[in-house]
PDB file of N, CA and C in Angstrom:
ATOM      1  N   MET A   1      82.697  91.897  15.582  1.00  0.00           N
ATOM      2  CA  MET A   1      81.366  91.430  15.911  1.00  0.00           C
ATOM      3  C   MET A   1      80.971  90.234  15.054  1.00  0.00           C
ATOM      4  N   ALA A   2      81.403  90.215  13.807  1.00  0.00           N
ATOM      5  CA  ALA A   2      81.029  89.106  12.921  1.00  0.00           C
ATOM      6  C   ALA A   2      81.667  87.807  13.389  1.00  0.00           C
ATOM      7  N   ALA A   3      82.893  87.884  13.915  1.00  0.00           N
ATOM      8  CA  ALA A   3      83.582  86.662  14.345  1.00  0.00           C
ATOM      9  C   ALA A   3      82.859  85.980  15.505  1.00  0.00           C
ATOM     10  N   PRO A   4      82.400  86.709  16.554  1.00  0.00           N
ATOM     11  CA  PRO A   4      81.684  86.019  17.624  1.00  0.00           C
ATOM     12  C   PRO A   4      80.383  85.379  17.129  1.00  0.00           C
ATOM     13  N   ALA A   5      79.696  86.041  16.209  1.00  0.00           N
ATOM     14  CA  ALA A   5      78.453  85.465  15.699  1.00  0.00           C
ATOM     15  C   ALA A   5      78.751  84.166  14.961  1.00  0.00           C
ATOM     16  N   LEU A   6      79.845  84.154  14.186  1.00  0.00           N
ATOM     17  CA  LEU A   6      80.228  82.948  13.471  1.00  0.00           C
ATOM     18  C   LEU A   6      80.596  81.854  14.460  1.00  0.00           C
ATOM     19  N   GLY A   7      81.331  82.247  15.515  1.00  0.00           N
ATOM     20  CA  GLY A   7      81.712  81.271  16.535  1.00  0.00           C
ATOM     21  C   GLY A   7      80.489  80.686  17.217  1.00  0.00           C
ATOM     22  N   ALA A   8      79.487  81.506  17.479  1.00  0.00           N
ATOM     23  CA  ALA A   8      78.264  81.022  18.120  1.00  0.00           C
ATOM     24  C   ALA A   8      77.544  80.045  17.211  1.00  0.00           C
ATOM     25  N   GLY A   9      77.547  80.347  15.904  1.00  0.00           N
ATOM     26  CA  GLY A   9      76.904  79.444  14.960  1.00  0.00           C
ATOM     27  C   GLY A   9      77.646  78.119  14.882  1.00  0.00           C
ATOM     28  N   SER A  10      78.961  78.160  14.965  1.00  0.00           N
ATOM     29  CA  SER A  10      79.760  76.938  14.891  1.00  0.00           C
ATOM     30  C   SER A  10      79.531  76.067  16.116  1.00  0.00           C
ATOM     31  N   SER A  11      79.359  76.690  17.292  1.00  0.00           N
ATOM     32  CA  SER A  11      79.165  75.884  18.496  1.00  0.00           C
ATOM     33  C   SER A  11      77.792  75.219  18.498  1.00  0.00           C
ATOM     34  N   ASP A  12      76.844  75.745  17.721  1.00  0.00           N
ATOM     35  CA  ASP A  12      75.526  75.122  17.636  1.00  0.00           C
ATOM     36  C   ASP A  12      75.578  73.815  16.843  1.00  0.00           C
ATOM     37  N   ALA A  13      76.459  73.720  15.864  1.00  0.00           N
ATOM     38  CA  ALA A  13      76.523  72.528  15.018  1.00  0.00           C
ATOM     39  C   ALA A  13      76.906  71.275  15.805  1.00  0.00           C
ATOM     40  N   PRO A  14      77.926  71.319  16.666  1.00  0.00           N
ATOM     41  CA  PRO A  14      78.282  70.093  17.391  1.00  0.00           C
ATOM     42  C   PRO A  14      77.213  69.647  18.400  1.00  0.00           C
ATOM     43  N   ALA A  15      76.444  70.585  18.940  1.00  0.00           N
ATOM     44  CA  ALA A  15      75.460  70.204  19.950  1.00  0.00           C
ATOM     45  C   ALA A  15      74.437  69.196  19.422  1.00  0.00           C
ATOM     46  N   PRO A  16      73.812  69.436  18.255  1.00  0.00           N
ATOM     47  CA  PRO A  16      72.891  68.412  17.751  1.00  0.00           C
ATOM     48  C   PRO A  16      73.622  67.098  17.439  1.00  0.00           C
ATOM     49  N   ALA A  17      74.840  67.193  16.927  1.00  0.00           N
ATOM     50  CA  ALA A  17      75.594  65.967  16.640  1.00  0.00           C
ATOM     51  C   ALA A  17      75.892  65.219  17.933  1.00  0.00           C
ATOM     52  N   ALA A  18      76.251  65.955  18.979  1.00  0.00           N
ATOM     53  CA  ALA A  18      76.530  65.320  20.268  1.00  0.00           C
ATOM     54  C   ALA A  18      75.263  64.703  20.839  1.00  0.00           C
ATOM     55  N   ALA A  19      74.152  65.399  20.689  1.00  0.00           N
ATOM     56  CA  ALA A  19      72.882  64.860  21.183  1.00  0.00           C
ATOM     57  C   ALA A  19      72.506  63.594  20.416  1.00  0.00           C
ATOM     58  N   ALA A  20      72.729  63.599  19.118  1.00  0.00           N
ATOM     59  CA  ALA A  20      72.432  62.417  18.308  1.00  0.00           C
ATOM     60  C   ALA A  20      73.342  61.259  18.705  1.00  0.00           C
ATOM     61  N   ALA A  21      74.605  61.563  18.955  1.00  0.00           N
ATOM     62  CA  ALA A  21      75.551  60.519  19.371  1.00  0.00           C
ATOM     63  C   ALA A  21      75.156  59.953  20.733  1.00  0.00           C
ATOM     64  N   ALA A  22      74.732  60.828  21.641  1.00  0.00           N
ATOM     65  CA  ALA A  22      74.313  60.372  22.970  1.00  0.00           C
ATOM     66  C   ALA A  22      73.059  59.503  22.858  1.00  0.00           C
ATOM     67  N   ALA A  23      72.120  59.893  21.995  1.00  0.00           N
ATOM     68  CA  ALA A  23      70.900  59.105  21.805  1.00  0.00           C
ATOM     69  C   ALA A  23      71.241  57.744  21.200  1.00  0.00           C
ATOM     70  N   ALA A  24      72.168  57.727  20.252  1.00  0.00           N
ATOM     71  CA  ALA A  24      72.578  56.465  19.632  1.00  0.00           C
ATOM     72  C   ALA A  24      73.264  55.570  20.660  1.00  0.00           C
ATOM     73  N   ALA A  25      74.093  56.166  21.512  1.00  0.00           N
ATOM     74  CA  ALA A  25      74.782  55.395  22.555  1.00  0.00           C
ATOM     75  C   ALA A  25      73.773  54.828  23.548  1.00  0.00           C
ATOM     76  N   ALA A  26      72.776  55.611  23.908  1.00  0.00           N
ATOM     77  CA  ALA A  26      71.747  55.137  24.838  1.00  0.00           C
ATOM     78  C   ALA A  26      70.952  53.996  24.208  1.00  0.00           C
ATOM     79  N   ALA A  27      70.633  54.116  22.937  1.00  0.00           N
ATOM     80  CA  ALA A  27      69.900  53.051  22.247  1.00  0.00           C
ATOM     81  C   ALA A  27      70.750  51.793  22.173  1.00  0.00           C
ATOM     82  N   ALA A  28      72.032  51.954  21.902  1.00  0.00           N
ATOM     83  CA  ALA A  28      72.931  50.800  21.835  1.00  0.00           C
ATOM     84  C   ALA A  28      73.057  50.145  23.204  1.00  0.00           C
ATOM     85  N   ALA A  29      73.096  50.957  24.256  1.00  0.00           N
ATOM     86  CA  ALA A  29      73.211  50.407  25.605  1.00  0.00           C
ATOM     87  C   ALA A  29      71.976  49.599  25.968  1.00  0.00           C
ATOM     88  N   SER A  30      70.794  50.068  25.590  1.00  0.00           N
ATOM     89  CA  SER A  30      69.576  49.335  25.946  1.00  0.00           C
ATOM     90  C   SER A  30      69.469  48.046  25.141  1.00  0.00           C
ATOM     91  N   THR A  31      69.984  48.039  23.918  1.00  0.00           N
ATOM     92  CA  THR A  31      69.934  46.823  23.131  1.00  0.00           C
ATOM     93  C   THR A  31      71.071  45.877  23.494  1.00  0.00           C
ATOM     94  N   ALA A  32      72.088  46.388  24.184  1.00  0.00           N
ATOM     95  CA  ALA A  32      73.231  45.554  24.551  1.00  0.00           C
ATOM     96  C   ALA A  32      72.906  44.654  25.745  1.00  0.00           C
ATOM     97  N   MET A  33      71.862  44.985  26.502  1.00  0.00           N
ATOM     98  CA  MET A  33      71.507  44.143  27.650  1.00  0.00           C
ATOM     99  C   MET A  33      70.997  42.796  27.159  1.00  0.00           C
ATOM    100  N   PRO A  34      71.428  41.727  27.805  1.00  0.00           N
ATOM    101  CA  PRO A  34      70.925  40.403  27.419  1.00  0.00           C
ATOM    102  C   PRO A  34      69.416  40.299  27.644  1.00  0.00           C
ATOM    103  N   LYS A  35      68.746  39.566  26.759  1.00  0.00           N
ATOM    104  CA  LYS A  35      67.300  39.353  26.870  1.00  0.00           C
ATOM    105  C   LYS A  35      67.043  37.909  27.269  1.00  0.00           C
ATOM    106  N   HIS A  36      66.140  37.732  28.211  1.00  0.00           N
ATOM    107  CA  HIS A  36      65.799  36.411  28.716  1.00  0.00           C
ATOM    108  C   HIS A  36      64.290  36.245  28.703  1.00  0.00           C
ATOM    109  N   GLU A  37      63.856  35.020  28.404  1.00  0.00           N
ATOM    110  CA  GLU A  37      62.422  34.738  28.382  1.00  0.00           C
ATOM    111  C   GLU A  37      62.069  33.743  29.486  1.00  0.00           C
ATOM    112  N   PHE A  38      61.000  34.065  30.209  1.00  0.00           N
ATOM    113  CA  PHE A  38      60.544  33.245  31.327  1.00  0.00           C
ATOM    114  C   PHE A  38      59.084  32.874  31.120  1.00  0.00           C
ATOM    115  N   SER A  39      58.724  31.704  31.615  1.00  0.00           N
ATOM    116  CA  SER A  39      57.330  31.301  31.679  1.00  0.00           C
ATOM    117  C   SER A  39      56.869  31.581  33.105  1.00  0.00           C
ATOM    118  N   VAL A  40      55.780  32.326  33.244  1.00  0.00           N
ATOM    119  CA  VAL A  40      55.238  32.656  34.564  1.00  0.00           C
ATOM    120  C   VAL A  40      53.755  32.295  34.550  1.00  0.00           C
ATOM    121  N   ASP A  41      53.323  31.524  35.526  1.00  0.00           N
ATOM    122  CA  ASP A  41      51.933  31.052  35.576  1.00  0.00           C
ATOM    123  C   ASP A  41      50.989  32.195  35.966  1.00  0.00           C
ATOM    124  N   MET A  42      50.771  33.095  35.000  1.00  0.00           N
ATOM    125  CA  MET A  42      49.895  34.255  35.210  1.00  0.00           C
ATOM    126  C   MET A  42      48.526  33.925  34.624  1.00  0.00           C
ATOM    127  N   THR A  43      47.481  34.188  35.399  1.00  0.00           N
ATOM    128  CA  THR A  43      46.127  33.889  34.918  1.00  0.00           C
ATOM    129  C   THR A  43      45.267  35.140  34.746  1.00  0.00           C
ATOM    130  N   CYS A  44      45.740  36.273  35.265  1.00  0.00           N
ATOM    131  CA  CYS A  44      44.912  37.482  35.191  1.00  0.00           C
ATOM    132  C   CYS A  44      45.795  38.729  35.216  1.00  0.00           C
ATOM    133  N   GLU A  45      45.146  39.869  35.093  1.00  0.00           N
ATOM    134  CA  GLU A  45      45.870  41.136  35.105  1.00  0.00           C
ATOM    135  C   GLU A  45      46.537  41.372  36.456  1.00  0.00           C
ATOM    136  N   GLY A  46      45.932  40.887  37.532  1.00  0.00           N
ATOM    137  CA  GLY A  46      46.547  41.017  38.854  1.00  0.00           C
ATOM    138  C   GLY A  46      47.885  40.303  38.907  1.00  0.00           C
ATOM    139  N   CYS A  47      47.953  39.146  38.253  1.00  0.00           N
ATOM    140  CA  CYS A  47      49.208  38.390  38.191  1.00  0.00           C
ATOM    141  C   CYS A  47      50.279  39.190  37.429  1.00  0.00           C
ATOM    142  N   SER A  48      49.892  39.748  36.291  1.00  0.00           N
ATOM    143  CA  SER A  48      50.865  40.516  35.504  1.00  0.00           C
ATOM    144  C   SER A  48      51.276  41.786  36.251  1.00  0.00           C
ATOM    145  N   ASN A  49      50.360  42.369  37.028  1.00  0.00           N
ATOM    146  CA  ASN A  49      50.715  43.531  37.848  1.00  0.00           C
ATOM    147  C   ASN A  49      51.723  43.153  38.924  1.00  0.00           C
ATOM    148  N   ALA A  50      51.589  41.962  39.482  1.00  0.00           N
ATOM    149  CA  ALA A  50      52.548  41.487  40.493  1.00  0.00           C
ATOM    150  C   ALA A  50      53.927  41.329  39.874  1.00  0.00           C
ATOM    151  N   VAL A  51      53.982  40.809  38.645  1.00  0.00           N
ATOM    152  CA  VAL A  51      55.261  40.672  37.937  1.00  0.00           C
ATOM    153  C   VAL A  51      55.868  42.054  37.707  1.00  0.00           C
ATOM    154  N   SER A  52      55.060  42.990  37.260  1.00  0.00           N
ATOM    155  CA  SER A  52      55.545  44.364  37.035  1.00  0.00           C
ATOM    156  C   SER A  52      56.100  44.965  38.317  1.00  0.00           C
ATOM    157  N   ARG A  53      55.389  44.775  39.432  1.00  0.00           N
ATOM    158  CA  ARG A  53      55.820  45.339  40.716  1.00  0.00           C
ATOM    159  C   ARG A  53      57.194  44.818  41.132  1.00  0.00           C
ATOM    160  N   VAL A  54      57.379  43.490  41.087  1.00  0.00           N
ATOM    161  CA  VAL A  54      58.657  42.936  41.560  1.00  0.00           C
ATOM    162  C   VAL A  54      59.805  43.313  40.633  1.00  0.00           C
ATOM    163  N   LEU A  55      59.544  43.378  39.320  1.00  0.00           N
ATOM    164  CA  LEU A  55      60.611  43.745  38.385  1.00  0.00           C
ATOM    165  C   LEU A  55      60.968  45.222  38.506  1.00  0.00           C
ATOM    166  N   ASN A  56      59.969  46.077  38.676  1.00  0.00           N
ATOM    167  CA  ASN A  56      60.246  47.506  38.859  1.00  0.00           C
ATOM    168  C   ASN A  56      61.009  47.747  40.153  1.00  0.00           C
ATOM    169  N   LYS A  57      60.697  46.975  41.187  1.00  0.00           N
ATOM    170  CA  LYS A  57      61.394  47.113  42.466  1.00  0.00           C
ATOM    171  C   LYS A  57      62.853  46.687  42.334  1.00  0.00           C
ATOM    172  N   LEU A  58      63.115  45.659  41.522  1.00  0.00           N
ATOM    173  CA  LEU A  58      64.484  45.203  41.285  1.00  0.00           C
ATOM    174  C   LEU A  58      65.297  46.288  40.591  1.00  0.00           C
ATOM    175  N   GLY A  59      64.712  46.928  39.586  1.00  0.00           N
ATOM    176  CA  GLY A  59      65.398  47.985  38.855  1.00  0.00           C
ATOM    177  C   GLY A  59      66.399  47.425  37.853  1.00  0.00           C
ATOM    178  N   GLY A  60      66.810  48.267  36.914  1.00  0.00           N
ATOM    179  CA  GLY A  60      67.791  47.873  35.914  1.00  0.00           C
ATOM    180  C   GLY A  60      67.253  46.852  34.929  1.00  0.00           C
ATOM    181  N   VAL A  61      65.947  46.870  34.711  1.00  0.00           N
ATOM    182  CA  VAL A  61      65.331  45.913  33.793  1.00  0.00           C
ATOM    183  C   VAL A  61      64.373  46.624  32.847  1.00  0.00           C
ATOM    184  N   GLU A  62      64.240  46.073  31.665  1.00  0.00           N
ATOM    185  CA  GLU A  62      63.185  46.442  30.727  1.00  0.00           C
ATOM    186  C   GLU A  62      62.464  45.137  30.451  1.00  0.00           C
ATOM    187  N   PHE A  63      61.136  45.162  30.426  1.00  0.00           N
ATOM    188  CA  PHE A  63      60.428  43.904  30.261  1.00  0.00           C
ATOM    189  C   PHE A  63      59.124  44.075  29.504  1.00  0.00           C
ATOM    190  N   ASP A  64      58.698  42.973  28.898  1.00  0.00           N
ATOM    191  CA  ASP A  64      57.403  42.886  28.224  1.00  0.00           C
ATOM    192  C   ASP A  64      56.682  41.673  28.801  1.00  0.00           C
ATOM    193  N   ILE A  65      55.419  41.859  29.123  1.00  0.00           N
ATOM    194  CA  ILE A  65      54.614  40.776  29.672  1.00  0.00           C
ATOM    195  C   ILE A  65      53.588  40.357  28.627  1.00  0.00           C
ATOM    196  N   ASP A  66      53.599  39.065  28.296  1.00  0.00           N
ATOM    197  CA  ASP A  66      52.636  38.482  27.358  1.00  0.00           C
ATOM    198  C   ASP A  66      51.696  37.594  28.180  1.00  0.00           C
ATOM    199  N   LEU A  67      50.650  38.211  28.711  1.00  0.00           N
ATOM    200  CA  LEU A  67      49.729  37.502  29.606  1.00  0.00           C
ATOM    201  C   LEU A  67      49.054  36.299  28.946  1.00  0.00           C
ATOM    202  N   PRO A  68      48.514  36.429  27.712  1.00  0.00           N
ATOM    203  CA  PRO A  68      47.840  35.265  27.115  1.00  0.00           C
ATOM    204  C   PRO A  68      48.757  34.038  26.967  1.00  0.00           C
ATOM    205  N   ASN A  69      50.040  34.283  26.683  1.00  0.00           N
ATOM    206  CA  ASN A  69      50.986  33.174  26.512  1.00  0.00           C
ATOM    207  C   ASN A  69      51.797  32.876  27.768  1.00  0.00           C
ATOM    208  N   LYS A  70      51.513  33.628  28.839  1.00  0.00           N
ATOM    209  CA  LYS A  70      52.174  33.429  30.135  1.00  0.00           C
ATOM    210  C   LYS A  70      53.695  33.515  30.039  1.00  0.00           C
ATOM    211  N   LYS A  71      54.167  34.551  29.298  1.00  0.00           N
ATOM    212  CA  LYS A  71      55.598  34.732  29.118  1.00  0.00           C
ATOM    213  C   LYS A  71      56.003  36.144  29.518  1.00  0.00           C
ATOM    214  N   VAL A  72      57.236  36.252  30.026  1.00  0.00           N
ATOM    215  CA  VAL A  72      57.821  37.544  30.369  1.00  0.00           C
ATOM    216  C   VAL A  72      59.194  37.591  29.722  1.00  0.00           C
ATOM    217  N   CYS A  73      59.434  38.608  28.911  1.00  0.00           N
ATOM    218  CA  CYS A  73      60.735  38.805  28.273  1.00  0.00           C
ATOM    219  C   CYS A  73      61.419  39.970  28.993  1.00  0.00           C
ATOM    220  N   ILE A  74      62.612  39.711  29.516  1.00  0.00           N
ATOM    221  CA  ILE A  74      63.317  40.707  30.324  1.00  0.00           C
ATOM    222  C   ILE A  74      64.674  41.011  29.714  1.00  0.00           C
ATOM    223  N   SER A  75      64.966  42.301  29.536  1.00  0.00           N
ATOM    224  CA  SER A  75      66.293  42.763  29.135  1.00  0.00           C
ATOM    225  C   SER A  75      66.956  43.307  30.388  1.00  0.00           C
ATOM    226  N   SER A  76      68.090  42.710  30.757  1.00  0.00           N
ATOM    227  CA  SER A  76      68.745  43.115  32.001  1.00  0.00           C
ATOM    228  C   SER A  76      70.156  42.568  32.063  1.00  0.00           C
ATOM    229  N   ASP A  77      70.999  43.275  32.811  1.00  0.00           N
ATOM    230  CA  ASP A  77      72.347  42.782  33.085  1.00  0.00           C
ATOM    231  C   ASP A  77      72.362  41.905  34.333  1.00  0.00           C
ATOM    232  N   HIS A  78      71.231  41.800  35.029  1.00  0.00           N
ATOM    233  CA  HIS A  78      71.142  40.918  36.202  1.00  0.00           C
ATOM    234  C   HIS A  78      71.269  39.465  35.737  1.00  0.00           C
ATOM    235  N   SER A  79      71.760  38.608  36.617  1.00  0.00           N
ATOM    236  CA  SER A  79      71.891  37.195  36.276  1.00  0.00           C
ATOM    237  C   SER A  79      70.514  36.543  36.172  1.00  0.00           C
ATOM    238  N   VAL A  80      70.464  35.423  35.470  1.00  0.00           N
ATOM    239  CA  VAL A  80      69.214  34.669  35.333  1.00  0.00           C
ATOM    240  C   VAL A  80      68.725  34.246  36.709  1.00  0.00           C
ATOM    241  N   ASP A  81      69.646  33.854  37.602  1.00  0.00           N
ATOM    242  CA  ASP A  81      69.256  33.436  38.956  1.00  0.00           C
ATOM    243  C   ASP A  81      68.546  34.559  39.702  1.00  0.00           C
ATOM    244  N   ILE A  82      69.065  35.771  39.600  1.00  0.00           N
ATOM    245  CA  ILE A  82      68.437  36.915  40.291  1.00  0.00           C
ATOM    246  C   ILE A  82      67.067  37.192  39.689  1.00  0.00           C
ATOM    247  N   LEU A  83      66.964  37.117  38.369  1.00  0.00           N
ATOM    248  CA  LEU A  83      65.674  37.355  37.713  1.00  0.00           C
ATOM    249  C   LEU A  83      64.663  36.289  38.127  1.00  0.00           C
ATOM    250  N   LEU A  84      65.106  35.032  38.183  1.00  0.00           N
ATOM    251  CA  LEU A  84      64.215  33.948  38.632  1.00  0.00           C
ATOM    252  C   LEU A  84      63.750  34.174  40.067  1.00  0.00           C
ATOM    253  N   GLU A  85      64.689  34.492  40.953  1.00  0.00           N
ATOM    254  CA  GLU A  85      64.344  34.741  42.367  1.00  0.00           C
ATOM    255  C   GLU A  85      63.344  35.883  42.474  1.00  0.00           C
ATOM    256  N   THR A  86      63.548  36.914  41.676  1.00  0.00           N
ATOM    257  CA  THR A  86      62.651  38.076  41.709  1.00  0.00           C
ATOM    258  C   THR A  86      61.257  37.684  41.240  1.00  0.00           C
ATOM    259  N   LEU A  87      61.175  36.964  40.125  1.00  0.00           N
ATOM    260  CA  LEU A  87      59.863  36.548  39.611  1.00  0.00           C
ATOM    261  C   LEU A  87      59.165  35.595  40.576  1.00  0.00           C
ATOM    262  N   GLU A  88      59.928  34.768  41.284  1.00  0.00           N
ATOM    263  CA  GLU A  88      59.327  33.827  42.239  1.00  0.00           C
ATOM    264  C   GLU A  88      58.683  34.535  43.429  1.00  0.00           C
ATOM    265  N   LYS A  89      59.054  35.792  43.659  1.00  0.00           N
ATOM    266  CA  LYS A  89      58.455  36.568  44.748  1.00  0.00           C
ATOM    267  C   LYS A  89      56.964  36.825  44.496  1.00  0.00           C
ATOM    268  N   THR A  90      56.515  36.603  43.256  1.00  0.00           N
ATOM    269  CA  THR A  90      55.100  36.781  42.945  1.00  0.00           C
ATOM    270  C   THR A  90      54.269  35.620  43.490  1.00  0.00           C
ATOM    271  N   GLY A  91      54.923  34.501  43.844  1.00  0.00           N
ATOM    272  CA  GLY A  91      54.206  33.320  44.311  1.00  0.00           C
ATOM    273  C   GLY A  91      53.719  32.444  43.169  1.00  0.00           C
ATOM    274  N   LYS A  92      54.062  32.809  41.949  1.00  0.00           N
ATOM    275  CA  LYS A  92      53.650  32.051  40.768  1.00  0.00           C
ATOM    276  C   LYS A  92      54.753  31.068  40.374  1.00  0.00           C
ATOM    277  N   ALA A  93      54.368  29.987  39.694  1.00  0.00           N
ATOM    278  CA  ALA A  93      55.354  29.056  39.158  1.00  0.00           C
ATOM    279  C   ALA A  93      56.108  29.759  38.032  1.00  0.00           C
ATOM    280  N   VAL A  94      57.448  29.668  38.083  1.00  0.00           N
ATOM    281  CA  VAL A  94      58.297  30.363  37.121  1.00  0.00           C
ATOM    282  C   VAL A  94      59.330  29.386  36.570  1.00  0.00           C
ATOM    283  N   SER A  95      59.594  29.475  35.274  1.00  0.00           N
ATOM    284  CA  SER A  95      60.687  28.710  34.688  1.00  0.00           C
ATOM    285  C   SER A  95      61.378  29.544  33.630  1.00  0.00           C
ATOM    286  N   TYR A  96      62.669  29.281  33.475  1.00  0.00           N
ATOM    287  CA  TYR A  96      63.480  29.990  32.488  1.00  0.00           C
ATOM    288  C   TYR A  96      63.368  29.278  31.152  1.00  0.00           C
ATOM    289  N   LEU A  97      62.970  30.004  30.112  1.00  0.00           N
ATOM    290  CA  LEU A  97      62.812  29.414  28.790  1.00  0.00           C
ATOM    291  C   LEU A  97      64.082  29.540  27.956  1.00  0.00           C
ATOM    292  N   GLY A  98      64.919  30.534  28.277  1.00  0.00           N
ATOM    293  CA  GLY A  98      66.180  30.707  27.546  1.00  0.00           C
ATOM    294  C   GLY A  98      66.378  32.131  27.072  1.00  0.00           C
ATOM    295  N   PRO A  99      67.520  32.348  26.423  1.00  0.00           N
ATOM    296  CA  PRO A  99      67.784  33.693  25.898  1.00  0.00           C
ATOM    297  C   PRO A  99      66.844  34.000  24.742  1.00  0.00           C
ATOM    298  N   LYS A 100      66.572  35.262  24.571  1.00  0.00           N
ATOM    299  CA  LYS A 100      65.650  35.658  23.498  1.00  0.00           C
ATOM    300  C   LYS A 100      66.411  36.457  22.478  1.00  0.00           C
TER     301      LYS A 100
END
């Protein structure tokens, strides 16, 4: 009886380590995506909501919108051309500022 209890305790140790490794891998994967900065002619919250809508619809992106400075920073494996085309769907003037 003591041996199975010890075995159960031993199997608990790798689980947190595996979970920590998986969390570290997920964090590394999100930081491994290239970051790009775009200028988008946003004048109001409605404009920034339009940017959010088109980027969420595209999927596979993480982004931050800086409305006062009219900038959008996007982390994604999508090409710059695809990101530009997606942002242009808002009807706003868009330009690529470069990698971030």
